[in-house]
Amino acid sequence: MFQAKETEAAAKLAAAETRARVREESKNRRLEEEEKQAQKRRQREDLVKRREERERAKQEIDRFGRLASKKLTCGVCSVRTRVNDEREGVE
């Protein structure tokens, strides 16, 4: 009878250890998966930011002209600017 109880207690202990190990492995896998997803999300956000920056730069070029466009010095205030620089008030 004591031997059966000892065997049963050992089996319960082994089962508990197995469940704990499986639980820990599942937790580790889940954390790894969440980290991968977070990394992918950051990469997508970076890609979107780069696209937005390129689009903004393109709009700036369309709006204000290229830096290589003709330079102009205002005869009144002596401000150097591009020919079509709306920021400096030259249109």
N, C-alpha and C. Protein backbone atom coordinates (compact mmCIF):
# COMPACT_ATOMS: atom_id res chain seq x y z
N MET A 1 0.82 -1.18 0.00
CA MET A 1 0.00 0.00 0.00
C MET A 1 0.88 1.27 0.00
N PHE A 2 1.95 1.28 0.82
CA PHE A 2 2.85 2.43 0.85
C PHE A 2 3.60 2.57 -0.47
N GLN A 3 3.94 1.44 -1.03
CA GLN A 3 4.65 1.46 -2.31
C GLN A 3 3.74 2.03 -3.41
N ALA A 4 2.48 1.72 -3.41
CA ALA A 4 1.53 2.24 -4.40
C ALA A 4 1.38 3.75 -4.24
N LYS A 5 1.33 4.21 -2.98
CA LYS A 5 1.21 5.64 -2.73
C LYS A 5 2.46 6.38 -3.18
N GLU A 6 3.62 5.78 -2.94
CA GLU A 6 4.87 6.40 -3.37
C GLU A 6 4.93 6.47 -4.89
N THR A 7 4.52 5.41 -5.55
CA THR A 7 4.50 5.37 -7.01
C THR A 7 3.54 6.42 -7.56
N GLU A 8 2.37 6.51 -6.93
CA GLU A 8 1.37 7.50 -7.36
C GLU A 8 1.89 8.93 -7.14
N ALA A 9 2.54 9.18 -6.02
CA ALA A 9 3.09 10.51 -5.72
C ALA A 9 4.20 10.85 -6.72
N ALA A 10 5.03 9.89 -7.06
CA ALA A 10 6.10 10.11 -8.04
C ALA A 10 5.51 10.41 -9.42
N ALA A 11 4.45 9.70 -9.77
CA ALA A 11 3.80 9.92 -11.07
C ALA A 11 3.19 11.32 -11.11
N LYS A 12 2.56 11.76 -10.00
CA LYS A 12 1.97 13.09 -9.95
C LYS A 12 3.06 14.16 -10.07
N LEU A 13 4.18 13.93 -9.38
CA LEU A 13 5.29 14.88 -9.43
C LEU A 13 5.86 14.96 -10.85
N ALA A 14 6.01 13.82 -11.50
CA ALA A 14 6.53 13.80 -12.87
C ALA A 14 5.56 14.49 -13.82
N ALA A 15 4.26 14.26 -13.62
CA ALA A 15 3.25 14.90 -14.47
C ALA A 15 3.28 16.42 -14.26
N ALA A 16 3.41 16.85 -13.02
CA ALA A 16 3.46 18.28 -12.72
C ALA A 16 4.70 18.92 -13.36
N GLU A 17 5.84 18.23 -13.28
CA GLU A 17 7.06 18.74 -13.90
C GLU A 17 6.91 18.83 -15.43
N THR A 18 6.27 17.82 -16.00
CA THR A 18 6.05 17.80 -17.45
C THR A 18 5.15 18.97 -17.86
N ARG A 19 4.06 19.18 -17.11
CA ARG A 19 3.16 20.29 -17.42
C ARG A 19 3.87 21.64 -17.29
N ALA A 20 4.69 21.77 -16.25
CA ALA A 20 5.43 23.02 -16.05
C ALA A 20 6.41 23.26 -17.21
N ARG A 21 7.10 22.21 -17.65
CA ARG A 21 8.03 22.32 -18.75
C ARG A 21 7.30 22.70 -20.05
N VAL A 22 6.17 22.04 -20.31
CA VAL A 22 5.38 22.33 -21.51
C VAL A 22 4.87 23.77 -21.45
N ARG A 23 4.41 24.20 -20.28
CA ARG A 23 3.91 25.56 -20.11
C ARG A 23 5.03 26.57 -20.38
N GLU A 24 6.21 26.30 -19.86
CA GLU A 24 7.35 27.19 -20.05
C GLU A 24 7.76 27.25 -21.53
N GLU A 25 7.77 26.11 -22.21
CA GLU A 25 8.10 26.07 -23.63
C GLU A 25 7.07 26.85 -24.45
N SER A 26 5.81 26.70 -24.11
CA SER A 26 4.75 27.43 -24.81
C SER A 26 4.91 28.93 -24.60
N LYS A 27 5.22 29.31 -23.38
CA LYS A 27 5.42 30.73 -23.07
C LYS A 27 6.59 31.29 -23.87
N ASN A 28 7.69 30.54 -23.93
CA ASN A 28 8.87 30.99 -24.69
C ASN A 28 8.55 31.13 -26.17
N ARG A 29 7.82 30.15 -26.73
CA ARG A 29 7.44 30.21 -28.14
C ARG A 29 6.55 31.42 -28.40
N ARG A 30 5.60 31.66 -27.51
CA ARG A 30 4.69 32.79 -27.67
C ARG A 30 5.47 34.12 -27.62
N LEU A 31 6.41 34.23 -26.69
CA LEU A 31 7.21 35.44 -26.58
C LEU A 31 8.06 35.66 -27.83
N GLU A 32 8.64 34.59 -28.35
CA GLU A 32 9.43 34.69 -29.57
C GLU A 32 8.56 35.14 -30.74
N GLU A 33 7.36 34.58 -30.84
CA GLU A 33 6.44 34.93 -31.91
C GLU A 33 6.01 36.40 -31.79
N GLU A 34 5.74 36.84 -30.57
CA GLU A 34 5.37 38.24 -30.37
C GLU A 34 6.52 39.18 -30.75
N GLU A 35 7.74 38.78 -30.43
CA GLU A 35 8.90 39.60 -30.78
C GLU A 35 9.06 39.67 -32.30
N LYS A 36 8.86 38.55 -32.99
CA LYS A 36 8.93 38.55 -34.45
C LYS A 36 7.87 39.47 -35.04
N GLN A 37 6.65 39.40 -34.51
CA GLN A 37 5.58 40.26 -35.01
C GLN A 37 5.88 41.73 -34.75
N ALA A 38 6.43 42.03 -33.58
CA ALA A 38 6.79 43.41 -33.25
C ALA A 38 7.88 43.91 -34.20
N GLN A 39 8.84 43.06 -34.51
CA GLN A 39 9.91 43.44 -35.42
C GLN A 39 9.35 43.70 -36.82
N LYS A 40 8.45 42.84 -37.29
CA LYS A 40 7.83 43.05 -38.60
C LYS A 40 7.04 44.35 -38.61
N ARG A 41 6.33 44.63 -37.52
CA ARG A 41 5.55 45.86 -37.42
C ARG A 41 6.47 47.08 -37.49
N ARG A 42 7.61 47.02 -36.77
CA ARG A 42 8.55 48.14 -36.82
C ARG A 42 9.12 48.33 -38.21
N GLN A 43 9.40 47.22 -38.91
CA GLN A 43 9.92 47.31 -40.27
C GLN A 43 8.89 47.95 -41.19
N ARG A 44 7.61 47.55 -41.04
CA ARG A 44 6.56 48.15 -41.87
C ARG A 44 6.43 49.64 -41.58
N GLU A 45 6.48 50.01 -40.30
CA GLU A 45 6.38 51.42 -39.93
C GLU A 45 7.54 52.22 -40.51
N ASP A 46 8.75 51.65 -40.46
CA ASP A 46 9.92 52.32 -41.05
C ASP A 46 9.75 52.49 -42.55
N LEU A 47 9.24 51.46 -43.20
CA LEU A 47 9.01 51.52 -44.64
C LEU A 47 8.00 52.61 -44.97
N VAL A 48 6.93 52.68 -44.20
CA VAL A 48 5.91 53.71 -44.42
C VAL A 48 6.51 55.10 -44.21
N LYS A 49 7.33 55.26 -43.17
CA LYS A 49 7.97 56.56 -42.91
C LYS A 49 8.86 56.96 -44.07
N ARG A 50 9.66 56.01 -44.57
CA ARG A 50 10.54 56.33 -45.70
C ARG A 50 9.74 56.73 -46.93
N ARG A 51 8.63 56.02 -47.18
CA ARG A 51 7.78 56.36 -48.32
C ARG A 51 7.20 57.76 -48.16
N GLU A 52 6.74 58.06 -46.94
CA GLU A 52 6.18 59.38 -46.68
C GLU A 52 7.24 60.47 -46.86
N GLU A 53 8.45 60.21 -46.39
CA GLU A 53 9.53 61.19 -46.55
C GLU A 53 9.86 61.42 -48.02
N ARG A 54 9.90 60.33 -48.79
CA ARG A 54 10.17 60.47 -50.22
C ARG A 54 9.05 61.26 -50.91
N GLU A 55 7.80 60.96 -50.53
CA GLU A 55 6.67 61.66 -51.11
C GLU A 55 6.70 63.14 -50.73
N ARG A 56 7.04 63.43 -49.48
CA ARG A 56 7.13 64.81 -49.02
C ARG A 56 8.24 65.55 -49.77
N ALA A 57 9.38 64.88 -49.96
CA ALA A 57 10.48 65.50 -50.69
C ALA A 57 10.08 65.77 -52.14
N LYS A 58 9.36 64.84 -52.73
CA LYS A 58 8.90 65.01 -54.11
C LYS A 58 7.93 66.18 -54.20
N GLN A 59 7.04 66.30 -53.22
CA GLN A 59 6.10 67.43 -53.22
C GLN A 59 6.84 68.75 -53.03
N GLU A 60 7.87 68.75 -52.20
CA GLU A 60 8.68 69.97 -52.00
C GLU A 60 9.33 70.38 -53.32
N ILE A 61 9.88 69.40 -54.03
CA ILE A 61 10.51 69.70 -55.32
C ILE A 61 9.48 70.24 -56.29
N ASP A 62 8.29 69.61 -56.33
CA ASP A 62 7.25 70.08 -57.23
C ASP A 62 6.77 71.48 -56.85
N ARG A 63 6.71 71.75 -55.57
CA ARG A 63 6.17 73.02 -55.10
C ARG A 63 7.19 74.15 -55.19
N PHE A 64 8.42 73.89 -54.75
CA PHE A 64 9.42 74.95 -54.67
C PHE A 64 10.48 74.89 -55.76
N GLY A 65 10.48 73.86 -56.55
CA GLY A 65 11.48 73.73 -57.60
C GLY A 65 12.73 73.04 -57.09
N ARG A 66 13.58 72.68 -58.01
CA ARG A 66 14.82 72.01 -57.65
C ARG A 66 15.83 73.02 -57.13
N LEU A 67 16.74 72.53 -56.31
CA LEU A 67 17.78 73.41 -55.78
C LEU A 67 18.67 73.94 -56.89
N ALA A 68 18.76 73.20 -57.98
CA ALA A 68 19.62 73.61 -59.08
C ALA A 68 18.94 74.64 -59.98
N SER A 69 17.71 75.03 -59.66
CA SER A 69 17.05 76.02 -60.50
C SER A 69 17.74 77.37 -60.34
N LYS A 70 17.42 78.28 -61.20
CA LYS A 70 18.09 79.58 -61.23
C LYS A 70 18.08 80.25 -59.87
N LYS A 71 19.21 80.80 -59.49
CA LYS A 71 19.30 81.57 -58.25
C LYS A 71 18.94 83.01 -58.55
N LEU A 72 18.44 83.67 -57.53
CA LEU A 72 17.99 85.04 -57.69
C LEU A 72 18.37 85.81 -56.44
N THR A 73 18.87 87.01 -56.60
CA THR A 73 19.15 87.88 -55.46
C THR A 73 18.19 89.07 -55.57
N CYS A 74 17.43 89.27 -54.52
CA CYS A 74 16.45 90.35 -54.51
C CYS A 74 17.19 91.69 -54.49
N GLY A 75 16.78 92.60 -55.35
CA GLY A 75 17.41 93.91 -55.42
C GLY A 75 17.04 94.80 -54.25
N VAL A 76 15.92 94.53 -53.60
CA VAL A 76 15.46 95.36 -52.50
C VAL A 76 16.06 94.92 -51.17
N CYS A 77 15.95 93.62 -50.88
CA CYS A 77 16.37 93.14 -49.55
C CYS A 77 17.64 92.29 -49.60
N SER A 78 18.19 92.02 -50.75
CA SER A 78 19.41 91.24 -50.95
C SER A 78 19.32 89.81 -50.43
N VAL A 79 18.14 89.21 -50.50
CA VAL A 79 17.96 87.82 -50.10
C VAL A 79 18.24 86.94 -51.31
N ARG A 80 19.08 85.93 -51.10
CA ARG A 80 19.36 84.98 -52.18
C ARG A 80 18.34 83.86 -52.09
N THR A 81 17.72 83.52 -53.20
CA THR A 81 16.69 82.49 -53.23
C THR A 81 16.59 81.93 -54.63
N ARG A 82 15.72 80.96 -54.79
CA ARG A 82 15.44 80.42 -56.11
C ARG A 82 14.35 81.26 -56.75
N VAL A 83 14.18 81.09 -58.03
CA VAL A 83 13.23 81.90 -58.79
C VAL A 83 11.81 81.69 -58.29
N ASN A 84 11.43 80.45 -57.99
CA ASN A 84 10.05 80.16 -57.61
C ASN A 84 9.95 79.75 -56.14
N ASP A 85 10.61 80.46 -55.27
CA ASP A 85 10.65 80.11 -53.85
C ASP A 85 9.55 80.86 -53.11
N GLU A 86 8.42 80.18 -52.88
CA GLU A 86 7.30 80.81 -52.19
C GLU A 86 7.58 81.05 -50.72
N ARG A 87 8.47 80.27 -50.13
CA ARG A 87 8.78 80.45 -48.71
C ARG A 87 9.42 81.81 -48.45
N GLU A 88 10.22 82.27 -49.39
CA GLU A 88 10.89 83.57 -49.25
C GLU A 88 10.05 84.69 -49.86
N GLY A 89 8.89 84.37 -50.37
CA GLY A 89 8.01 85.38 -50.93
C GLY A 89 8.27 85.70 -52.38
N VAL A 90 9.05 84.86 -53.07
CA VAL A 90 9.36 85.08 -54.48
C VAL A 90 8.49 84.15 -55.29
N GLU A 91 7.72 84.73 -56.19
CA GLU A 91 6.86 83.90 -57.05
C GLU A 91 7.09 84.24 -58.50
